[in-house]
Amino acid sequence: MKKEDTVKLISAEGFEFVVDKEAAMVSQTIHNMLTSPGSFSERQHGEVTFPEISTTILEKICQYFYWHLQFARLYWEQPITLTCNSDVIEFPPTTEWVMGLP
């Protein structure tokens, strides 16, 4: 995969997530940061720093981007559960899971 096809999302703790640009563009905010005219650093470097978003939350956001690309249209037809490295991920997340976030 080429560097221009990816985006680096950086959490408050400095953890870096390298995701497909198409996946990151699910977020309208990230889309605007990366496509706005001008010489914004996000556009030039392909990196977006989120100083107020923890690594745990940003990881779930990245998972959602990929889920959205693959399954958003199907979700309304039937519930979807993803298994990733033996972890079960459901979208939208359950209330219990959300309440357990730090």
C-alpha atoms as a PDB file:
ATOM      1  CA  MET A   1       0.000   0.000   0.000  1.00  0.00           C
ATOM      2  CA  LYS A   2       1.329   3.427  -0.926  1.00  0.00           C
ATOM      3  CA  LYS A   3       1.866   6.102   1.715  1.00  0.00           C
ATOM      4  CA  GLU A   4      -0.520   8.467  -0.081  1.00  0.00           C
ATOM      5  CA  ASP A   5      -3.256   5.832   0.294  1.00  0.00           C
ATOM      6  CA  THR A   6      -2.990   5.908   4.090  1.00  0.00           C
ATOM      7  CA  VAL A   7      -3.556   8.395   6.891  1.00  0.00           C
ATOM      8  CA  LYS A   8      -1.880   8.436  10.280  1.00  0.00           C
ATOM      9  CA  LEU A   9      -4.240   9.192  13.180  1.00  0.00           C
ATOM     10  CA  ILE A  10      -2.444  10.089  16.409  1.00  0.00           C
ATOM     11  CA  SER A  11      -4.034   9.766  19.850  1.00  0.00           C
ATOM     12  CA  ALA A  12      -3.544  12.005  22.894  1.00  0.00           C
ATOM     13  CA  GLU A  13      -0.914   9.580  24.207  1.00  0.00           C
ATOM     14  CA  GLY A  14       0.960   9.656  20.892  1.00  0.00           C
ATOM     15  CA  PHE A  15      -0.099   6.213  19.652  1.00  0.00           C
ATOM     16  CA  GLU A  16      -0.247   6.166  15.854  1.00  0.00           C
ATOM     17  CA  PHE A  17      -2.908   4.348  13.836  1.00  0.00           C
ATOM     18  CA  VAL A  18      -2.180   4.003  10.126  1.00  0.00           C
ATOM     19  CA  VAL A  19      -5.476   3.484   8.309  1.00  0.00           C
ATOM     20  CA  ASP A  20      -6.614   3.449   4.708  1.00  0.00           C
ATOM     21  CA  LYS A  21      -7.417   6.950   3.539  1.00  0.00           C
ATOM     22  CA  GLU A  22     -10.796   5.716   2.271  1.00  0.00           C
ATOM     23  CA  ALA A  23     -11.645   4.434   5.751  1.00  0.00           C
ATOM     24  CA  ALA A  24     -10.580   7.670   7.458  1.00  0.00           C
ATOM     25  CA  MET A  25     -12.721   9.649   5.013  1.00  0.00           C
ATOM     26  CA  VAL A  26     -15.812   8.094   6.643  1.00  0.00           C
ATOM     27  CA  SER A  27     -15.374  10.959   9.113  1.00  0.00           C
ATOM     28  CA  GLN A  28     -16.490  14.236   7.565  1.00  0.00           C
ATOM     29  CA  THR A  29     -14.130  16.104   9.903  1.00  0.00           C
ATOM     30  CA  ILE A  30     -11.104  14.106   8.768  1.00  0.00           C
ATOM     31  CA  HIS A  31     -12.290  14.357   5.167  1.00  0.00           C
ATOM     32  CA  ASN A  32     -12.375  18.153   5.460  1.00  0.00           C
ATOM     33  CA  MET A  33      -8.933  18.271   7.093  1.00  0.00           C
ATOM     34  CA  LEU A  34      -7.378  16.217   4.315  1.00  0.00           C
ATOM     35  CA  THR A  35      -9.116  17.806   1.332  1.00  0.00           C
ATOM     36  CA  SER A  36      -9.383  21.487   2.229  1.00  0.00           C
ATOM     37  CA  PRO A  37      -7.537  23.819  -0.101  1.00  0.00           C
ATOM     38  CA  GLY A  38      -4.459  25.477   1.278  1.00  0.00           C
ATOM     39  CA  SER A  39      -1.336  24.320   3.024  1.00  0.00           C
ATOM     40  CA  PHE A  40      -2.750  22.700   6.149  1.00  0.00           C
ATOM     41  CA  SER A  41      -0.259  20.357   7.821  1.00  0.00           C
ATOM     42  CA  GLU A  42      -2.794  17.504   7.948  1.00  0.00           C
ATOM     43  CA  ARG A  43      -3.084  17.590   4.186  1.00  0.00           C
ATOM     44  CA  GLN A  44       0.640  17.939   3.560  1.00  0.00           C
ATOM     45  CA  HIS A  45       1.753  15.165   5.925  1.00  0.00           C
ATOM     46  CA  GLY A  46      -1.266  12.858   5.909  1.00  0.00           C
ATOM     47  CA  GLU A  47      -1.378  12.961   9.709  1.00  0.00           C
ATOM     48  CA  VAL A  48      -4.138  14.072  12.036  1.00  0.00           C
ATOM     49  CA  THR A  49      -3.448  14.518  15.757  1.00  0.00           C
ATOM     50  CA  PHE A  50      -6.297  14.266  18.257  1.00  0.00           C
ATOM     51  CA  PRO A  51      -4.945  15.746  21.512  1.00  0.00           C
ATOM     52  CA  GLU A  52      -8.158  15.053  23.410  1.00  0.00           C
ATOM     53  CA  ILE A  53      -8.931  11.524  22.177  1.00  0.00           C
ATOM     54  CA  SER A  54      -7.401   8.610  24.081  1.00  0.00           C
ATOM     55  CA  THR A  55      -5.789   5.634  22.376  1.00  0.00           C
ATOM     56  CA  THR A  56      -8.661   3.348  23.452  1.00  0.00           C
ATOM     57  CA  ILE A  57     -11.300   5.596  21.926  1.00  0.00           C
ATOM     58  CA  LEU A  58      -9.322   6.277  18.743  1.00  0.00           C
ATOM     59  CA  GLU A  59      -8.865   2.534  18.251  1.00  0.00           C
ATOM     60  CA  LYS A  60     -12.646   2.037  18.366  1.00  0.00           C
ATOM     61  CA  ILE A  61     -13.103   4.954  15.979  1.00  0.00           C
ATOM     62  CA  CYS A  62     -10.711   3.310  13.503  1.00  0.00           C
ATOM     63  CA  GLN A  63     -12.574   0.015  13.842  1.00  0.00           C
ATOM     64  CA  TYR A  64     -15.811   1.849  13.140  1.00  0.00           C
ATOM     65  CA  PHE A  65     -14.386   3.375   9.959  1.00  0.00           C
ATOM     66  CA  TYR A  66     -13.662  -0.089   8.557  1.00  0.00           C
ATOM     67  CA  TRP A  67     -16.975  -1.468   9.788  1.00  0.00           C
ATOM     68  CA  HIS A  68     -18.798   1.391   8.097  1.00  0.00           C
ATOM     69  CA  LEU A  69     -17.051   0.765   4.775  1.00  0.00           C
ATOM     70  CA  GLN A  70     -17.880  -2.920   4.817  1.00  0.00           C
ATOM     71  CA  PHE A  71     -21.180  -3.283   6.593  1.00  0.00           C
ATOM     72  CA  ALA A  72     -23.118  -0.054   7.086  1.00  0.00           C
ATOM     73  CA  ARG A  73     -25.630  -0.793   4.355  1.00  0.00           C
ATOM     74  CA  LEU A  74     -26.196  -4.321   5.616  1.00  0.00           C
ATOM     75  CA  TYR A  75     -26.567  -3.412   9.292  1.00  0.00           C
ATOM     76  CA  TRP A  76     -30.160  -2.337   9.029  1.00  0.00           C
ATOM     77  CA  GLU A  77     -31.045  -5.717   7.543  1.00  0.00           C
ATOM     78  CA  GLN A  78     -29.449  -7.795  10.322  1.00  0.00           C
ATOM     79  CA  PRO A  79     -27.201  -7.217  13.364  1.00  0.00           C
ATOM     80  CA  ILE A  80     -23.488  -7.545  12.652  1.00  0.00           C
ATOM     81  CA  THR A  81     -20.759  -8.931  14.870  1.00  0.00           C
ATOM     82  CA  LEU A  82     -17.109  -8.764  13.853  1.00  0.00           C
ATOM     83  CA  THR A  83     -14.388 -10.947  15.320  1.00  0.00           C
ATOM     84  CA  CYS A  84     -10.916  -9.465  15.364  1.00  0.00           C
ATOM     85  CA  ASN A  85      -8.054 -11.248  17.134  1.00  0.00           C
ATOM     86  CA  SER A  86     -10.577 -13.210  19.224  1.00  0.00           C
ATOM     87  CA  ASP A  87     -12.317  -9.994  20.355  1.00  0.00           C
ATOM     88  CA  VAL A  88     -15.966  -9.643  19.456  1.00  0.00           C
ATOM     89  CA  ILE A  89     -16.863  -6.189  18.172  1.00  0.00           C
ATOM     90  CA  GLU A  90     -20.470  -5.169  17.674  1.00  0.00           C
ATOM     91  CA  PHE A  91     -21.633  -1.996  15.972  1.00  0.00           C
ATOM     92  CA  PRO A  92     -23.245   0.069  17.077  1.00  0.00           C
ATOM     93  CA  PRO A  93     -21.560  -0.666  20.422  1.00  0.00           C
ATOM     94  CA  THR A  94     -23.687  -1.804  23.315  1.00  0.00           C
ATOM     95  CA  THR A  95     -24.553   0.585  26.134  1.00  0.00           C
ATOM     96  CA  GLU A  96     -22.665  -1.641  28.570  1.00  0.00           C
ATOM     97  CA  TRP A  97     -19.494  -1.375  26.499  1.00  0.00           C
ATOM     98  CA  VAL A  98     -19.777   2.396  26.153  1.00  0.00           C
ATOM     99  CA  MET A  99     -20.326   2.854  29.888  1.00  0.00           C
ATOM    100  CA  GLY A 100     -17.165   0.839  30.566  1.00  0.00           C
ATOM    101  CA  LEU A 101     -14.908   3.176  28.594  1.00  0.00           C
ATOM    102  CA  PRO A 102     -12.377   5.164  30.625  1.00  0.00           C
END
